[in-house]
């Protein structure tokens, strides 16, 4: 004989029995995640030792492939050095030159500990991340912020990044080189009509031009140095 549940119990059962949590999905992939986190920590320590410029000893096989918005089509990820060991690290806009090329890897790692229901496709995205072959880290070596003074005089700024390519198959740094860029020669900016934030707005837009120019410089440099494909 079947026992019928009261109608007011049914919604609770449906809500709590539908789908796995992030942490449950991650449990099936835990060895791969632990291996990735170990490689990220290893690369963080290698970069912290400030290695010099290093050319490839041999062509990379397979060649690196990075597509900013297609983790599944990539075997490479780009990460700021300061988030390798701690993907949850936050900092101010101008404290570090975060170029936002990560393809969401940090978010996947953060979500992996969540008790909430995992979104559809989380496991597929996670497995794509765990299958990455190359980790690329970048670190700010020198930074001179562009400056707009109180009289709106503009001084061009510039930055130099260290770029480090790590092969997870060999557990080794295989290539490292610097990339440099300047802020634009002229900067167009927007500000409130009352003009009260004009200097602040001008400085913000000048900083953005340096940021954009670094983003435009790093991917072609990686393609040239590694023989890979790096697309925004």
C-alpha atoms as a PDB file:
ATOM      1  CA  UNK A   1       0.000   0.000   0.000  1.00  0.00           C
ATOM      2  CA  UNK A   2       1.377   3.390  -0.984  1.00  0.00           C
ATOM      3  CA  UNK A   3       1.534   6.158   1.601  1.00  0.00           C
ATOM      4  CA  UNK A   4       0.681   9.627   0.362  1.00  0.00           C
ATOM      5  CA  UNK A   5       2.624  12.552   1.776  1.00  0.00           C
ATOM      6  CA  UNK A   6       0.763  15.687   2.844  1.00  0.00           C
ATOM      7  CA  UNK A   7       0.726  18.307   0.068  1.00  0.00           C
ATOM      8  CA  UNK A   8       2.693  20.822   2.162  1.00  0.00           C
ATOM      9  CA  UNK A   9       5.675  18.433   2.423  1.00  0.00           C
ATOM     10  CA  UNK A  10       6.082  17.943  -1.312  1.00  0.00           C
ATOM     11  CA  UNK A  11       7.629  21.342  -2.200  1.00  0.00           C
ATOM     12  CA  UNK A  12      10.334  20.856   0.426  1.00  0.00           C
ATOM     13  CA  UNK A  13      11.229  17.408  -0.893  1.00  0.00           C
ATOM     14  CA  UNK A  14      11.385  18.658  -4.459  1.00  0.00           C
ATOM     15  CA  UNK A  15      13.663  21.546  -3.583  1.00  0.00           C
ATOM     16  CA  UNK A  16      16.116  19.525  -1.517  1.00  0.00           C
ATOM     17  CA  UNK A  17      16.343  16.493  -3.795  1.00  0.00           C
ATOM     18  CA  UNK A  18      16.963  18.250  -7.110  1.00  0.00           C
ATOM     19  CA  UNK A  19      20.577  18.432  -8.299  1.00  0.00           C
ATOM     20  CA  UNK A  20      24.007  18.164  -6.704  1.00  0.00           C
ATOM     21  CA  UNK A  21      25.870  20.857  -4.836  1.00  0.00           C
ATOM     22  CA  UNK A  22      29.156  22.344  -6.058  1.00  0.00           C
ATOM     23  CA  UNK A  23      31.074  20.402  -3.418  1.00  0.00           C
ATOM     24  CA  UNK A  24      29.394  17.109  -4.374  1.00  0.00           C
ATOM     25  CA  UNK A  25      30.283  17.566  -8.039  1.00  0.00           C
ATOM     26  CA  UNK A  26      33.818  18.561  -7.087  1.00  0.00           C
ATOM     27  CA  UNK A  27      34.262  15.437  -4.934  1.00  0.00           C
ATOM     28  CA  UNK A  28      34.274  13.298  -8.099  1.00  0.00           C
ATOM     29  CA  UNK A  29      37.034  15.496  -9.521  1.00  0.00           C
ATOM     30  CA  UNK A  30      39.012  16.116  -6.330  1.00  0.00           C
ATOM     31  CA  UNK A  31      42.303  14.463  -7.390  1.00  0.00           C
ATOM     32  CA  UNK A  32      42.452  16.583 -10.530  1.00  0.00           C
ATOM     33  CA  UNK A  33      41.649  19.761  -8.597  1.00  0.00           C
ATOM     34  CA  UNK A  34      44.318  19.022  -6.004  1.00  0.00           C
ATOM     35  CA  UNK A  35      46.866  18.475  -8.786  1.00  0.00           C
ATOM     36  CA  UNK A  36      45.933  21.782 -10.430  1.00  0.00           C
ATOM     37  CA  UNK A  37      46.155  23.691  -7.145  1.00  0.00           C
ATOM     38  CA  UNK A  38      49.563  22.128  -6.477  1.00  0.00           C
ATOM     39  CA  UNK A  39      50.812  23.252  -9.895  1.00  0.00           C
ATOM     40  CA  UNK A  40      49.465  26.766  -9.316  1.00  0.00           C
ATOM     41  CA  UNK A  41      51.303  26.935  -5.993  1.00  0.00           C
ATOM     42  CA  UNK A  42      54.472  25.605  -7.595  1.00  0.00           C
ATOM     43  CA  UNK A  43      54.316  28.251 -10.323  1.00  0.00           C
ATOM     44  CA  UNK A  44      53.673  30.939  -7.697  1.00  0.00           C
ATOM     45  CA  UNK A  45      56.875  29.962  -5.899  1.00  0.00           C
ATOM     46  CA  UNK A  46      58.874  29.863  -9.124  1.00  0.00           C
ATOM     47  CA  UNK A  47      57.687  33.353 -10.102  1.00  0.00           C
ATOM     48  CA  UNK A  48      58.382  34.700  -6.601  1.00  0.00           C
ATOM     49  CA  UNK A  49      62.032  33.690  -7.085  1.00  0.00           C
ATOM     50  CA  UNK A  50      62.224  36.257  -9.934  1.00  0.00           C
ATOM     51  CA  UNK A  51      63.644  34.054 -12.692  1.00  0.00           C
ATOM     52  CA  UNK A  52      65.349  35.771 -15.598  1.00  0.00           C
ATOM     53  CA  UNK A  53      64.387  35.688 -19.247  1.00  0.00           C
ATOM     54  CA  UNK A  54      64.221  32.151 -20.631  1.00  0.00           C
ATOM     55  CA  UNK A  55      63.688  31.118 -24.243  1.00  0.00           C
ATOM     56  CA  UNK A  56      62.078  27.798 -25.135  1.00  0.00           C
ATOM     57  CA  UNK A  57      64.579  24.956 -25.276  1.00  0.00           C
ATOM     58  CA  UNK A  58      62.341  23.127 -27.772  1.00  0.00           C
ATOM     59  CA  UNK A  59      58.964  23.764 -29.425  1.00  0.00           C
ATOM     60  CA  UNK A  60      56.029  23.041 -27.135  1.00  0.00           C
ATOM     61  CA  UNK A  61      53.964  20.016 -28.108  1.00  0.00           C
ATOM     62  CA  UNK A  62      51.088  20.493 -28.151  1.00  0.00           C
ATOM     63  CA  UNK A  63      51.392  24.230 -28.718  1.00  0.00           C
ATOM     64  CA  UNK A  64      49.564  26.462 -26.234  1.00  0.00           C
ATOM     65  CA  UNK A  65      46.044  27.537 -27.166  1.00  0.00           C
ATOM     66  CA  UNK A  66      44.278  30.312 -25.261  1.00  0.00           C
ATOM     67  CA  UNK A  67      40.813  31.613 -26.083  1.00  0.00           C
ATOM     68  CA  UNK A  68      39.626  34.126 -23.524  1.00  0.00           C
ATOM     69  CA  UNK A  69      35.967  33.136 -23.596  1.00  0.00           C
ATOM     70  CA  UNK A  70      36.316  29.437 -24.437  1.00  0.00           C
ATOM     71  CA  UNK A  71      37.849  27.405 -21.637  1.00  0.00           C
ATOM     72  CA  UNK A  72      36.860  24.160 -23.359  1.00  0.00           C
ATOM     73  CA  UNK A  73      38.754  25.209 -26.509  1.00  0.00           C
ATOM     74  CA  UNK A  74      41.892  26.147 -24.548  1.00  0.00           C
ATOM     75  CA  UNK A  75      44.753  24.172 -23.078  1.00  0.00           C
ATOM     76  CA  UNK A  76      46.228  27.286 -21.453  1.00  0.00           C
ATOM     77  CA  UNK A  77      45.141  29.806 -18.841  1.00  0.00           C
ATOM     78  CA  UNK A  78      46.547  33.252 -17.936  1.00  0.00           C
ATOM     79  CA  UNK A  79      46.629  34.243 -14.271  1.00  0.00           C
ATOM     80  CA  UNK A  80      47.981  37.135 -12.266  1.00  0.00           C
ATOM     81  CA  UNK A  81      50.790  35.903 -10.017  1.00  0.00           C
ATOM     82  CA  UNK A  82      49.175  37.143  -6.813  1.00  0.00           C
ATOM     83  CA  UNK A  83      46.144  34.877  -7.278  1.00  0.00           C
ATOM     84  CA  UNK A  84      47.965  31.620  -8.015  1.00  0.00           C
ATOM     85  CA  UNK A  85      48.300  30.547  -4.393  1.00  0.00           C
ATOM     86  CA  UNK A  86      45.090  32.278  -3.284  1.00  0.00           C
ATOM     87  CA  UNK A  87      42.392  32.583  -5.988  1.00  0.00           C
ATOM     88  CA  UNK A  88      40.193  34.523  -3.550  1.00  0.00           C
ATOM     89  CA  UNK A  89      42.687  37.380  -3.138  1.00  0.00           C
ATOM     90  CA  UNK A  90      41.276  40.839  -3.822  1.00  0.00           C
ATOM     91  CA  UNK A  91      43.036  44.167  -4.245  1.00  0.00           C
ATOM     92  CA  UNK A  92      42.390  47.732  -5.353  1.00  0.00           C
ATOM     93  CA  UNK A  93      42.087  48.741  -8.995  1.00  0.00           C
ATOM     94  CA  UNK A  94      45.564  50.294  -9.133  1.00  0.00           C
ATOM     95  CA  UNK A  95      47.324  48.153  -6.542  1.00  0.00           C
ATOM     96  CA  UNK A  96      48.157  45.512  -9.158  1.00  0.00           C
ATOM     97  CA  UNK A  97      47.754  45.343 -12.922  1.00  0.00           C
ATOM     98  CA  UNK A  98      45.085  42.659 -13.146  1.00  0.00           C
ATOM     99  CA  UNK A  99      44.468  42.060 -16.853  1.00  0.00           C
ATOM    100  CA  UNK A 100      41.443  39.757 -16.379  1.00  0.00           C
ATOM    101  CA  UNK A 101      42.502  36.977 -18.735  1.00  0.00           C
ATOM    102  CA  UNK A 102      41.720  34.121 -16.328  1.00  0.00           C
ATOM    103  CA  UNK A 103      38.806  32.488 -18.203  1.00  0.00           C
ATOM    104  CA  UNK A 104      37.006  32.164 -14.871  1.00  0.00           C
ATOM    105  CA  UNK A 105      39.373  29.600 -13.355  1.00  0.00           C
ATOM    106  CA  UNK A 106      39.452  31.372  -9.993  1.00  0.00           C
ATOM    107  CA  UNK A 107      35.645  31.350  -9.848  1.00  0.00           C
ATOM    108  CA  UNK A 108      35.530  27.616 -10.553  1.00  0.00           C
ATOM    109  CA  UNK A 109      37.928  26.996  -7.673  1.00  0.00           C
ATOM    110  CA  UNK A 110      35.897  29.210  -5.340  1.00  0.00           C
ATOM    111  CA  UNK A 111      32.616  27.555  -6.370  1.00  0.00           C
ATOM    112  CA  UNK A 112      34.136  24.102  -5.816  1.00  0.00           C
ATOM    113  CA  UNK A 113      33.693  24.521  -2.049  1.00  0.00           C
ATOM    114  CA  UNK A 114      30.099  25.768  -2.218  1.00  0.00           C
ATOM    115  CA  UNK A 115      27.153  23.935  -0.690  1.00  0.00           C
ATOM    116  CA  UNK A 116      24.639  25.525  -3.071  1.00  0.00           C
ATOM    117  CA  UNK A 117      23.241  23.646  -6.033  1.00  0.00           C
ATOM    118  CA  UNK A 118      25.782  23.591  -8.878  1.00  0.00           C
ATOM    119  CA  UNK A 119      24.755  25.304 -12.085  1.00  0.00           C
ATOM    120  CA  UNK A 120      24.293  23.242 -15.217  1.00  0.00           C
ATOM    121  CA  UNK A 121      27.641  22.789 -16.954  1.00  0.00           C
ATOM    122  CA  UNK A 122      29.752  23.321 -13.827  1.00  0.00           C
ATOM    123  CA  UNK A 123      31.304  19.864 -13.981  1.00  0.00           C
ATOM    124  CA  UNK A 124      32.111  20.226 -17.680  1.00  0.00           C
ATOM    125  CA  UNK A 125      33.748  23.608 -17.059  1.00  0.00           C
ATOM    126  CA  UNK A 126      35.646  22.227 -14.076  1.00  0.00           C
ATOM    127  CA  UNK A 127      36.955  19.259 -16.055  1.00  0.00           C
ATOM    128  CA  UNK A 128      38.097  21.595 -18.846  1.00  0.00           C
ATOM    129  CA  UNK A 129      40.066  23.564 -16.263  1.00  0.00           C
ATOM    130  CA  UNK A 130      41.575  20.439 -14.737  1.00  0.00           C
ATOM    131  CA  UNK A 131      42.758  19.322 -18.189  1.00  0.00           C
ATOM    132  CA  UNK A 132      44.754  22.516 -18.814  1.00  0.00           C
ATOM    133  CA  UNK A 133      48.296  21.789 -19.994  1.00  0.00           C
ATOM    134  CA  UNK A 134      49.931  25.208 -19.569  1.00  0.00           C
ATOM    135  CA  UNK A 135      49.681  27.844 -16.866  1.00  0.00           C
ATOM    136  CA  UNK A 136      50.837  31.356 -17.728  1.00  0.00           C
ATOM    137  CA  UNK A 137      51.455  33.835 -14.907  1.00  0.00           C
ATOM    138  CA  UNK A 138      52.204  37.527 -15.181  1.00  0.00           C
ATOM    139  CA  UNK A 139      53.675  39.807 -12.541  1.00  0.00           C
ATOM    140  CA  UNK A 140      54.189  43.568 -12.369  1.00  0.00           C
ATOM    141  CA  UNK A 141      57.923  44.299 -12.431  1.00  0.00           C
ATOM    142  CA  UNK A 142      57.857  48.075 -12.890  1.00  0.00           C
ATOM    143  CA  UNK A 143      55.002  50.546 -12.852  1.00  0.00           C
ATOM    144  CA  UNK A 144      54.918  54.289 -13.398  1.00  0.00           C
ATOM    145  CA  UNK A 145      51.325  55.430 -13.348  1.00  0.00           C
ATOM    146  CA  UNK A 146      50.302  58.019 -15.951  1.00  0.00           C
ATOM    147  CA  UNK A 147      49.551  61.300 -14.215  1.00  0.00           C
ATOM    148  CA  UNK A 148      47.173  64.177 -14.814  1.00  0.00           C
ATOM    149  CA  UNK A 149      47.873  67.096 -12.474  1.00  0.00           C
ATOM    150  CA  UNK A 150      45.525  69.766 -11.151  1.00  0.00           C
ATOM    151  CA  UNK A 151      46.099  71.876 -14.282  1.00  0.00           C
ATOM    152  CA  UNK A 152      45.267  68.898 -16.498  1.00  0.00           C
ATOM    153  CA  UNK A 153      48.849  68.431 -17.648  1.00  0.00           C
ATOM    154  CA  UNK A 154      49.267  64.809 -18.727  1.00  0.00           C
ATOM    155  CA  UNK A 155      52.416  62.715 -18.184  1.00  0.00           C
ATOM    156  CA  UNK A 156      52.600  59.378 -19.974  1.00  0.00           C
ATOM    157  CA  UNK A 157      53.108  56.346 -17.748  1.00  0.00           C
ATOM    158  CA  UNK A 158      54.284  52.827 -18.420  1.00  0.00           C
ATOM    159  CA  UNK A 159      54.655  49.340 -17.003  1.00  0.00           C
ATOM    160  CA  UNK A 160      56.738  46.222 -17.461  1.00  0.00           C
ATOM    161  CA  UNK A 161      55.381  42.762 -16.742  1.00  0.00           C
ATOM    162  CA  UNK A 162      57.192  39.484 -16.284  1.00  0.00           C
ATOM    163  CA  UNK A 163      55.455  36.634 -18.139  1.00  0.00           C
ATOM    164  CA  UNK A 164      56.060  33.012 -17.119  1.00  0.00           C
ATOM    165  CA  UNK A 165      54.946  29.852 -18.949  1.00  0.00           C
ATOM    166  CA  UNK A 166      54.643  26.631 -16.953  1.00  0.00           C
ATOM    167  CA  UNK A 167      54.204  23.135 -18.435  1.00  0.00           C
ATOM    168  CA  UNK A 168      52.135  20.964 -16.108  1.00  0.00           C
ATOM    169  CA  UNK A 169      53.348  17.810 -17.848  1.00  0.00           C
ATOM    170  CA  UNK A 170      56.989  18.438 -16.944  1.00  0.00           C
ATOM    171  CA  UNK A 171      56.320  20.484 -13.770  1.00  0.00           C
ATOM    172  CA  UNK A 172      58.711  23.126 -15.055  1.00  0.00           C
ATOM    173  CA  UNK A 173      58.955  26.730 -16.128  1.00  0.00           C
ATOM    174  CA  UNK A 174      59.633  26.517 -19.867  1.00  0.00           C
ATOM    175  CA  UNK A 175      59.653  30.162 -20.944  1.00  0.00           C
ATOM    176  CA  UNK A 176      59.789  33.612 -19.356  1.00  0.00           C
ATOM    177  CA  UNK A 177      60.120  37.105 -20.801  1.00  0.00           C
ATOM    178  CA  UNK A 178      59.173  40.750 -20.140  1.00  0.00           C
ATOM    179  CA  UNK A 179      56.370  42.700 -21.804  1.00  0.00           C
ATOM    180  CA  UNK A 180      56.177  46.489 -21.648  1.00  0.00           C
ATOM    181  CA  UNK A 181      53.645  49.113 -22.659  1.00  0.00           C
ATOM    182  CA  UNK A 182      53.004  52.845 -22.273  1.00  0.00           C
ATOM    183  CA  UNK A 183      49.781  54.685 -21.709  1.00  0.00           C
ATOM    184  CA  UNK A 184      48.417  56.363 -24.841  1.00  0.00           C
ATOM    185  CA  UNK A 185      49.967  59.602 -26.092  1.00  0.00           C
ATOM    186  CA  UNK A 186      46.608  61.332 -25.846  1.00  0.00           C
ATOM    187  CA  UNK A 187      43.732  60.361 -23.573  1.00  0.00           C
ATOM    188  CA  UNK A 188      40.063  61.159 -24.091  1.00  0.00           C
ATOM    189  CA  UNK A 189      38.004  61.060 -20.919  1.00  0.00           C
ATOM    190  CA  UNK A 190      34.527  61.688 -19.598  1.00  0.00           C
ATOM    191  CA  UNK A 191      33.525  63.495 -16.419  1.00  0.00           C
ATOM    192  CA  UNK A 192      30.477  64.962 -14.727  1.00  0.00           C
ATOM    193  CA  UNK A 193      29.146  68.198 -16.167  1.00  0.00           C
ATOM    194  CA  UNK A 194      29.960  70.169 -13.024  1.00  0.00           C
ATOM    195  CA  UNK A 195      33.652  69.330 -13.574  1.00  0.00           C
ATOM    196  CA  UNK A 196      34.256  68.463  -9.921  1.00  0.00           C
ATOM    197  CA  UNK A 197      35.859  65.107 -10.691  1.00  0.00           C
ATOM    198  CA  UNK A 198      37.686  66.112 -13.885  1.00  0.00           C
ATOM    199  CA  UNK A 199      41.215  65.437 -12.632  1.00  0.00           C
ATOM    200  CA  UNK A 200      40.179  62.153 -11.049  1.00  0.00           C
ATOM    201  CA  UNK A 201      38.331  61.104 -14.198  1.00  0.00           C
ATOM    202  CA  UNK A 202      41.303  62.006 -16.397  1.00  0.00           C
ATOM    203  CA  UNK A 203      43.660  59.942 -14.226  1.00  0.00           C
ATOM    204  CA  UNK A 204      41.276  56.997 -14.309  1.00  0.00           C
ATOM    205  CA  UNK A 205      41.059  57.051 -18.083  1.00  0.00           C
ATOM    206  CA  UNK A 206      44.831  57.428 -18.404  1.00  0.00           C
ATOM    207  CA  UNK A 207      45.306  54.367 -16.200  1.00  0.00           C
ATOM    208  CA  UNK A 208      42.789  52.497 -18.343  1.00  0.00           C
ATOM    209  CA  UNK A 209      44.765  53.297 -21.484  1.00  0.00           C
ATOM    210  CA  UNK A 210      47.883  51.742 -19.922  1.00  0.00           C
ATOM    211  CA  UNK A 211      45.839  48.695 -18.907  1.00  0.00           C
ATOM    212  CA  UNK A 212      44.405  48.308 -22.409  1.00  0.00           C
ATOM    213  CA  UNK A 213      47.824  48.643 -24.031  1.00  0.00           C
ATOM    214  CA  UNK A 214      49.256  45.938 -21.761  1.00  0.00           C
ATOM    215  CA  UNK A 215      46.381  43.632 -22.679  1.00  0.00           C
ATOM    216  CA  UNK A 216      47.062  44.265 -26.367  1.00  0.00           C
ATOM    217  CA  UNK A 217      50.786  43.579 -25.921  1.00  0.00           C
ATOM    218  CA  UNK A 218      50.837  40.390 -23.871  1.00  0.00           C
ATOM    219  CA  UNK A 219      48.948  37.993 -26.141  1.00  0.00           C
ATOM    220  CA  UNK A 220      50.977  38.636 -29.345  1.00  0.00           C
ATOM    221  CA  UNK A 221      54.164  38.349 -27.274  1.00  0.00           C
ATOM    222  CA  UNK A 222      53.042  34.969 -25.925  1.00  0.00           C
ATOM    223  CA  UNK A 223      52.206  33.762 -29.433  1.00  0.00           C
ATOM    224  CA  UNK A 224      55.628  34.844 -30.704  1.00  0.00           C
ATOM    225  CA  UNK A 225      57.592  33.366 -27.798  1.00  0.00           C
ATOM    226  CA  UNK A 226      55.748  30.035 -27.558  1.00  0.00           C
ATOM    227  CA  UNK A 227      54.477  29.377 -31.090  1.00  0.00           C
ATOM    228  CA  UNK A 228      50.968  29.078 -29.684  1.00  0.00           C
ATOM    229  CA  UNK A 229      47.615  30.729 -30.347  1.00  0.00           C
ATOM    230  CA  UNK A 230      46.406  33.450 -27.974  1.00  0.00           C
ATOM    231  CA  UNK A 231      43.082  35.089 -28.767  1.00  0.00           C
ATOM    232  CA  UNK A 232      40.916  37.602 -26.878  1.00  0.00           C
END
